Each structure stands twice: as C-alpha cells, then as structure tokens.
Amino acid sequence: MQTTTQLLDIAVNNLSVTYSNARLALYNATCTVEPGTITALVGPNGSGKSTLFKSIMGFLQPTQGQIRIGGLPVQKAQKRQLMAYVPQSDEVDWNFPVSVFDVVMMGRYGYMNLLRIESNKDRRLVMESLERVGMIDFRDRQIGELSGGQKKRAFLARALAQEGKVILLDEPFTGVDVKTEKRIIDLLIQLRQEGHTILVSTHDLASIYTFCDRTILLNRTILASGKTEDILTEENLSVTFGGLPINSLRQNFSQKTSQFSQEQAIEEGVRTQESGVRREN
C-alpha cells in the first residue's frame, strides 16, 4: 500500500444542519480533527454523529458554516479522493448481489473513467487491501453472507483501496466481537503511523483510551474537544450523556480493558509457543 506523506486536518466551523422535516440535527458545531491522529467522536444515540460524518463527506448540505479538509472545501477534497468512509451497517443494503471483491473495488471508482474499466493497479490495490484486513479468502463471497465483523472489515478494505488520507468510521465496533474490534484497532494504529487522519464515531467509551489520541464530545453541538485523558471527565460525560451513571461507564470500560488484556496475553502465549517449536525444529 502507498504510504501517506501529507498530513491533513478536518476543520469544522460554526456548522448547523437542518433536515427537510425542520429537525435541527446540528447547531453551531466547531471543532478540529488534528492531522495524523485518531480522534473519537463521542455522543449518545441521536446526538448528530452520523450527521456530522455525512456533512464532512459532502452527503449533506449544511444550513450554515463550513468544513475544510486540509484547507480545501469538501467538494475539492472529494474530487482529489482525500476522504474515505466506512458507514454504519444499517446504511448498507446487504441483500444487494455483489461480492466482497466488488465492494472493495468501489473504492477505486473515483480513479476510473465513466466506463469504470478496472486497471491492473486497481486490482492490485483491492487485493492488497483485502489481505491487510484479513479478508482475502472471502473475496468471492456475497457481501450479505458475511458476519458483522467481516462486513466491517470489507468496508474498511474499501476505504484502504480508495487511498484516502482522511478516514471516517461510523460506529465500526457495533456488532463485532472483542477479537475483531482489537484487529480493527491495531489496523487503525498502523494507519495513523502511516500519516492518516482518522475520525471514529462511537457511543461506547470502553476502548477509546486504548487507541484514540483525542476525543470530541458531541450532543447536537460540540461540547468539548482535546486530548482524550483531558476530555473524558465525569463532568463532561454527564453533560454529554444526559446523566448516564458514571459508575456504569467505568464498569463497562473496566470489563472491555480486561477483555483486551486477556486477548493480548493469549496471543503473546501463542507466539511464544510457536517460537519455541521453531527453535526445537
């Protein structure tokens, strides 16, 4: 895969979005996703996370305000294929008869002509992306036949094939097991090291501390943003989640951290065992 060299930020300034039914989904939202970081977008269900994502991607037209990707308007950033998007599962028609390979190839459409004729480079990047997310053996499978975690990895492969410098993931850990979640997190950390800017929306606080440099708290507007350890305070979380008991959030975080530690210990044990077998041979 091509290594990203240019670091891009996402600048949201005084953004408001109103839907056709007059519902105000976002108002006066202002924040910056720092370049070359993994940033969590945190808020309860219905807080406007998906609306902000779709606005950044250019799928929704704001009522007011502006968004810049590396200093460029959204439309210009789109034309340059600077952004890649991993949607929520409920936004995808899983019954559509398309293979995993074809889904990942969709990430290359922006580089093709009107006839969408695949080049050798397109096919190579698709295969590399599938390999990177561990889905190469499922490339001919119909997308609707996959498990929840496999579906997420397939769409993450599509984002990789697109070669976007900015990657947006909308609730990527919903409906996946701990092992798949850890695998996705490990890949996101690798992508950050390669210079990608990553924004991950979630209402699950359990794993944010393990991989997110910064956090943005959202509930119809931006309530706080900054380094994760500074933002996830009891006061900020109480305001964001409308009084959800902090003890419940802490317990959830402790359980998830324990699961991650157990998974890591098992993996290290297996690697040690394999290393010993190789030495004996």
Protein backbone atom coordinates (compact mmCIF):
# COMPACT_ATOMS: atom_id res chain seq x y z
CA MET A 1 0.00 0.00 0.00
CA GLN A 2 1.12 3.53 -0.70
CA THR A 3 2.45 5.39 2.35
CA THR A 4 0.74 8.66 3.11
CA THR A 5 3.13 11.61 3.39
CA GLN A 6 0.87 14.66 3.57
CA LEU A 7 -1.00 15.12 6.85
CA LEU A 8 -4.50 16.59 6.58
CA ASP A 9 -6.78 18.05 9.23
CA ILE A 10 -10.57 18.38 9.32
CA ALA A 11 -11.78 21.85 10.28
CA VAL A 12 -15.46 22.30 11.14
CA ASN A 13 -16.56 25.89 11.71
CA ASN A 14 -19.95 27.01 13.06
CA LEU A 15 -21.77 24.12 11.36
CA SER A 16 -25.55 23.74 11.53
CA VAL A 17 -27.60 21.09 9.72
CA THR A 18 -31.39 21.04 9.46
CA TYR A 19 -33.26 18.14 7.86
CA SER A 20 -36.22 18.56 5.49
CA ASN A 21 -38.67 17.93 8.34
CA ALA A 22 -37.24 21.04 10.05
CA ARG A 23 -35.45 18.98 12.70
CA LEU A 24 -32.22 20.69 13.75
CA ALA A 25 -29.62 17.90 13.85
CA LEU A 26 -26.52 20.03 14.50
CA TYR A 27 -26.09 23.64 15.53
CA ASN A 28 -23.04 25.89 15.73
CA ALA A 29 -20.64 22.93 15.78
CA THR A 30 -16.98 23.93 15.72
CA CYS A 31 -14.04 21.55 16.08
CA THR A 32 -10.77 20.44 14.52
CA VAL A 33 -9.58 16.91 13.91
CA GLU A 34 -5.82 17.23 14.19
CA PRO A 35 -3.75 15.83 11.30
CA GLY A 36 -2.16 12.41 11.75
CA THR A 37 -4.26 11.49 14.79
CA ILE A 38 -7.01 9.07 15.73
CA THR A 39 -9.87 11.11 17.13
CA ALA A 40 -13.01 9.69 18.75
CA LEU A 41 -16.33 11.38 18.12
CA VAL A 42 -18.37 10.52 21.20
CA GLY A 43 -22.02 11.05 21.96
CA PRO A 44 -25.26 9.20 22.69
CA ASN A 45 -27.55 7.83 20.00
CA GLY A 46 -29.20 10.66 18.10
CA SER A 47 -26.54 13.19 19.08
CA GLY A 48 -25.63 14.05 15.49
CA LYS A 49 -22.52 11.90 14.96
CA SER A 50 -23.70 10.43 11.66
CA THR A 51 -24.97 13.85 10.55
CA LEU A 52 -21.53 15.36 11.13
CA PHE A 53 -19.90 12.48 9.25
CA LYS A 54 -22.22 12.86 6.26
CA SER A 55 -21.60 16.62 6.26
CA ILE A 56 -17.84 16.08 6.22
CA MET A 57 -18.24 13.62 3.34
CA GLY A 58 -20.44 16.05 1.41
CA PHE A 59 -23.54 13.85 1.57
CA LEU A 60 -25.47 16.56 3.45
CA GLN A 61 -25.58 20.28 2.74
CA PRO A 62 -25.15 22.36 5.93
CA THR A 63 -27.61 25.10 6.74
CA GLN A 64 -24.69 27.27 7.81
CA GLY A 65 -20.97 27.04 8.43
CA GLN A 66 -18.16 25.40 6.53
CA ILE A 67 -15.91 22.35 6.52
CA ARG A 68 -12.34 22.21 5.24
CA ILE A 69 -10.22 19.14 4.59
CA GLY A 70 -6.56 20.13 4.62
CA GLY A 71 -7.72 23.67 3.85
CA LEU A 72 -9.85 22.55 0.89
CA PRO A 73 -13.65 22.72 0.55
CA VAL A 74 -15.37 19.35 0.78
CA GLN A 75 -16.13 19.23 -2.97
CA LYS A 76 -12.48 19.72 -3.94
CA ALA A 77 -11.35 17.19 -1.35
CA GLN A 78 -13.83 14.69 -2.81
CA LYS A 79 -12.51 15.19 -6.34
CA ARG A 80 -9.00 14.50 -5.08
CA GLN A 81 -10.17 11.32 -3.32
CA LEU A 82 -8.82 12.61 0.01
CA MET A 83 -11.59 11.08 2.14
CA ALA A 84 -12.76 7.51 2.67
CA TYR A 85 -15.87 6.50 4.60
CA VAL A 86 -16.88 3.34 6.49
CA PRO A 87 -20.67 3.61 7.06
CA GLN A 88 -22.85 2.13 9.75
CA SER A 89 -24.15 -1.34 8.99
CA ASP A 90 -27.78 -0.23 8.85
CA GLU A 91 -26.98 2.13 5.96
CA VAL A 92 -25.99 -0.75 3.66
CA ASP A 93 -28.30 -2.97 1.58
CA TRP A 94 -26.81 -6.36 2.44
CA ASN A 95 -29.16 -8.14 0.03
CA PHE A 96 -27.64 -6.42 -2.99
CA PRO A 97 -25.98 -9.18 -5.11
CA VAL A 98 -22.37 -8.05 -5.02
CA SER A 99 -19.18 -9.83 -3.96
CA VAL A 100 -16.71 -8.68 -1.34
CA PHE A 101 -14.18 -8.04 -4.12
CA ASP A 102 -16.68 -5.81 -5.95
CA VAL A 103 -17.46 -3.85 -2.77
CA VAL A 104 -13.77 -3.12 -2.22
CA MET A 105 -13.36 -2.22 -5.91
CA MET A 106 -15.97 0.52 -5.38
CA GLY A 107 -13.23 2.37 -3.52
CA ARG A 108 -11.42 2.70 -6.83
CA TYR A 109 -14.38 4.17 -8.79
CA GLY A 110 -13.16 7.73 -8.29
CA TYR A 111 -9.99 6.90 -10.22
CA MET A 112 -11.80 5.29 -13.19
CA ASN A 113 -13.41 6.72 -16.31
CA LEU A 114 -17.15 6.65 -16.98
CA LEU A 115 -16.98 3.02 -18.19
CA ARG A 116 -15.38 2.00 -14.87
CA ILE A 117 -12.79 -0.20 -16.51
CA GLU A 118 -10.51 -1.71 -13.86
CA SER A 119 -6.77 -1.27 -14.26
CA ASN A 120 -4.02 -3.56 -13.03
CA LYS A 121 -3.33 -1.03 -10.29
CA ASP A 122 -6.97 -1.08 -9.22
CA ARG A 123 -6.99 -4.87 -8.91
CA ARG A 124 -3.65 -4.88 -7.11
CA LEU A 125 -4.80 -2.32 -4.52
CA VAL A 126 -8.05 -4.19 -3.94
CA MET A 127 -6.18 -7.45 -3.30
CA GLU A 128 -3.67 -5.70 -1.03
CA SER A 129 -6.49 -4.06 0.93
CA LEU A 130 -8.31 -7.37 1.36
CA GLU A 131 -5.10 -9.00 2.51
CA ARG A 132 -4.47 -6.26 5.01
CA VAL A 133 -7.83 -6.69 6.73
CA GLY A 134 -7.65 -10.49 6.59
CA MET A 135 -10.48 -10.89 4.07
CA ILE A 136 -8.62 -12.20 1.03
CA ASP A 137 -10.21 -15.67 1.35
CA PHE A 138 -13.69 -14.11 1.33
CA ARG A 139 -13.24 -12.03 -1.82
CA ASP A 140 -15.74 -14.06 -3.89
CA ARG A 141 -18.33 -14.29 -1.10
CA GLN A 142 -21.59 -12.37 -1.41
CA ILE A 143 -21.37 -9.41 0.97
CA GLY A 144 -24.63 -10.28 2.75
CA GLU A 145 -23.31 -13.73 3.71
CA LEU A 146 -20.61 -12.29 5.97
CA SER A 147 -20.69 -11.93 9.74
CA GLY A 148 -20.95 -8.49 11.32
CA GLY A 149 -17.21 -8.22 11.89
CA GLN A 150 -16.39 -9.44 8.38
CA LYS A 151 -18.71 -6.85 6.86
CA LYS A 152 -16.94 -4.09 8.79
CA ARG A 153 -13.55 -5.33 7.61
CA ALA A 154 -14.76 -5.49 4.00
CA PHE A 155 -15.81 -1.84 4.08
CA LEU A 156 -12.58 -0.90 5.82
CA ALA A 157 -10.77 -2.61 2.91
CA ARG A 158 -12.80 -0.44 0.53
CA ALA A 159 -11.58 2.66 2.39
CA LEU A 160 -7.98 1.43 2.13
CA ALA A 161 -8.34 0.77 -1.61
CA GLN A 162 -9.56 4.33 -2.06
CA GLU A 163 -6.21 5.59 -0.68
CA GLY A 164 -7.91 8.41 1.19
CA LYS A 165 -5.69 10.38 3.52
CA VAL A 166 -8.65 11.01 5.84
CA ILE A 167 -10.68 8.01 7.01
CA LEU A 168 -14.07 8.30 8.74
CA LEU A 169 -15.53 5.27 10.53
CA ASP A 170 -19.13 5.49 11.74
CA GLU A 171 -19.71 3.12 14.69
CA PRO A 172 -17.18 0.50 13.46
CA PHE A 173 -17.35 -1.63 16.64
CA THR A 174 -21.12 -2.11 16.77
CA GLY A 175 -21.99 -5.78 16.40
CA VAL A 176 -18.42 -7.11 16.40
CA ASP A 177 -16.66 -9.34 18.93
CA VAL A 178 -13.67 -8.30 21.03
CA LYS A 179 -11.15 -10.07 18.77
CA THR A 180 -12.43 -8.29 15.65
CA GLU A 181 -12.52 -4.96 17.49
CA LYS A 182 -8.89 -5.38 18.53
CA ARG A 183 -7.91 -6.29 14.97
CA ILE A 184 -9.56 -3.14 13.63
CA ILE A 185 -7.92 -1.02 16.33
CA ASP A 186 -4.49 -2.45 15.52
CA LEU A 187 -5.01 -1.57 11.85
CA LEU A 188 -6.12 1.97 12.71
CA ILE A 189 -2.97 2.45 14.77
CA GLN A 190 -0.88 1.29 11.79
CA LEU A 191 -2.71 3.73 9.52
CA ARG A 192 -2.05 6.58 11.96
CA GLN A 193 1.64 5.71 11.88
CA GLU A 194 1.49 5.97 8.09
CA GLY A 195 0.13 9.50 8.38
CA HIS A 196 -3.62 9.06 8.00
CA THR A 197 -6.07 11.25 9.87
CA ILE A 198 -8.80 9.08 11.39
CA LEU A 199 -12.15 10.06 12.90
CA VAL A 200 -14.09 7.29 14.66
CA SER A 201 -17.64 7.85 15.90
CA THR A 202 -18.82 5.80 18.86
CA HIS A 203 -21.05 5.94 21.92
CA ASP A 204 -19.00 3.16 23.54
CA LEU A 205 -16.33 4.61 25.82
CA ALA A 206 -14.79 1.25 26.65
CA SER A 207 -11.89 1.14 24.20
CA ILE A 208 -11.27 4.83 23.44
CA TYR A 209 -8.42 5.10 25.92
CA THR A 210 -6.55 2.26 24.19
CA PHE A 211 -6.09 3.94 20.80
CA CYS A 212 -7.59 7.44 20.48
CA ASP A 213 -5.22 10.40 20.82
CA ARG A 214 -8.03 12.94 21.02
CA THR A 215 -11.75 12.99 21.72
CA ILE A 216 -14.62 15.23 20.62
CA LEU A 217 -17.83 15.19 22.70
CA LEU A 218 -20.98 15.86 20.69
CA ASN A 219 -24.64 16.23 21.56
CA ARG A 220 -26.21 18.32 18.79
CA THR A 221 -23.25 20.68 19.18
CA ILE A 222 -19.60 20.34 20.18
CA LEU A 223 -19.39 20.24 23.96
CA ALA A 224 -15.65 19.62 24.39
CA SER A 225 -12.59 18.56 22.40
CA GLY A 226 -8.97 17.85 23.19
CA LYS A 227 -6.68 15.09 24.41
CA THR A 228 -8.64 12.02 25.42
CA GLU A 229 -7.37 11.95 29.01
CA ASP A 230 -8.39 15.59 29.46
CA ILE A 231 -11.81 15.33 27.86
CA LEU A 232 -13.29 12.14 29.32
CA THR A 233 -14.03 13.61 32.74
CA GLU A 234 -17.07 12.88 34.87
CA GLU A 235 -18.41 16.39 34.37
CA ASN A 236 -18.03 16.30 30.57
CA LEU A 237 -19.56 12.84 30.28
CA SER A 238 -22.51 13.78 32.49
CA VAL A 239 -23.28 16.75 30.26
CA THR A 240 -22.83 14.74 27.06
CA PHE A 241 -24.84 11.67 28.02
CA GLY A 242 -27.51 13.50 29.96
CA GLY A 243 -26.90 11.99 33.37
CA LEU A 244 -25.97 8.40 32.43
CA PRO A 245 -24.39 7.00 35.61
CA ILE A 246 -20.62 7.36 35.51
CA ASN A 247 -20.19 4.13 37.50
CA SER A 248 -21.86 2.24 34.64
CA LEU A 249 -19.46 3.79 32.14
CA ARG A 250 -16.49 2.93 34.34
CA GLN A 251 -17.62 -0.66 34.75
CA ASN A 252 -18.05 -1.05 31.00
CA PHE A 253 -14.58 0.37 30.41
CA SER A 254 -13.01 -1.95 33.03
CA GLN A 255 -14.65 -5.02 31.51
CA LYS A 256 -13.53 -4.15 27.99
CA THR A 257 -9.97 -3.36 29.13
CA SER A 258 -9.82 -6.75 30.88
CA GLN A 259 -11.01 -8.48 27.69
CA PHE A 260 -8.37 -6.72 25.62
CA SER A 261 -5.66 -7.72 28.12
CA GLN A 262 -6.78 -11.36 28.07
CA GLU A 263 -6.80 -11.45 24.26
CA GLN A 264 -3.31 -9.91 24.16
CA ALA A 265 -1.97 -12.39 26.72
CA ILE A 266 -3.34 -15.32 24.72
CA GLU A 267 -1.80 -14.01 21.50
CA GLU A 268 1.58 -13.49 23.18
CA GLY A 269 1.41 -17.01 24.63
CA VAL A 270 0.72 -18.48 21.21
CA ARG A 271 3.60 -16.54 19.66
CA THR A 272 5.96 -17.71 22.42
CA GLN A 273 4.83 -21.31 21.94
CA GLU A 274 5.32 -21.09 18.17
CA SER A 275 8.77 -19.56 18.66
CA GLY A 276 9.74 -22.45 20.96
CA VAL A 277 8.57 -25.01 18.41
CA ARG A 278 10.65 -23.36 15.70
CA ARG A 279 13.77 -23.42 17.91
CA GLU A 280 13.26 -27.11 18.67
CA ASN A 281 12.98 -27.86 14.97
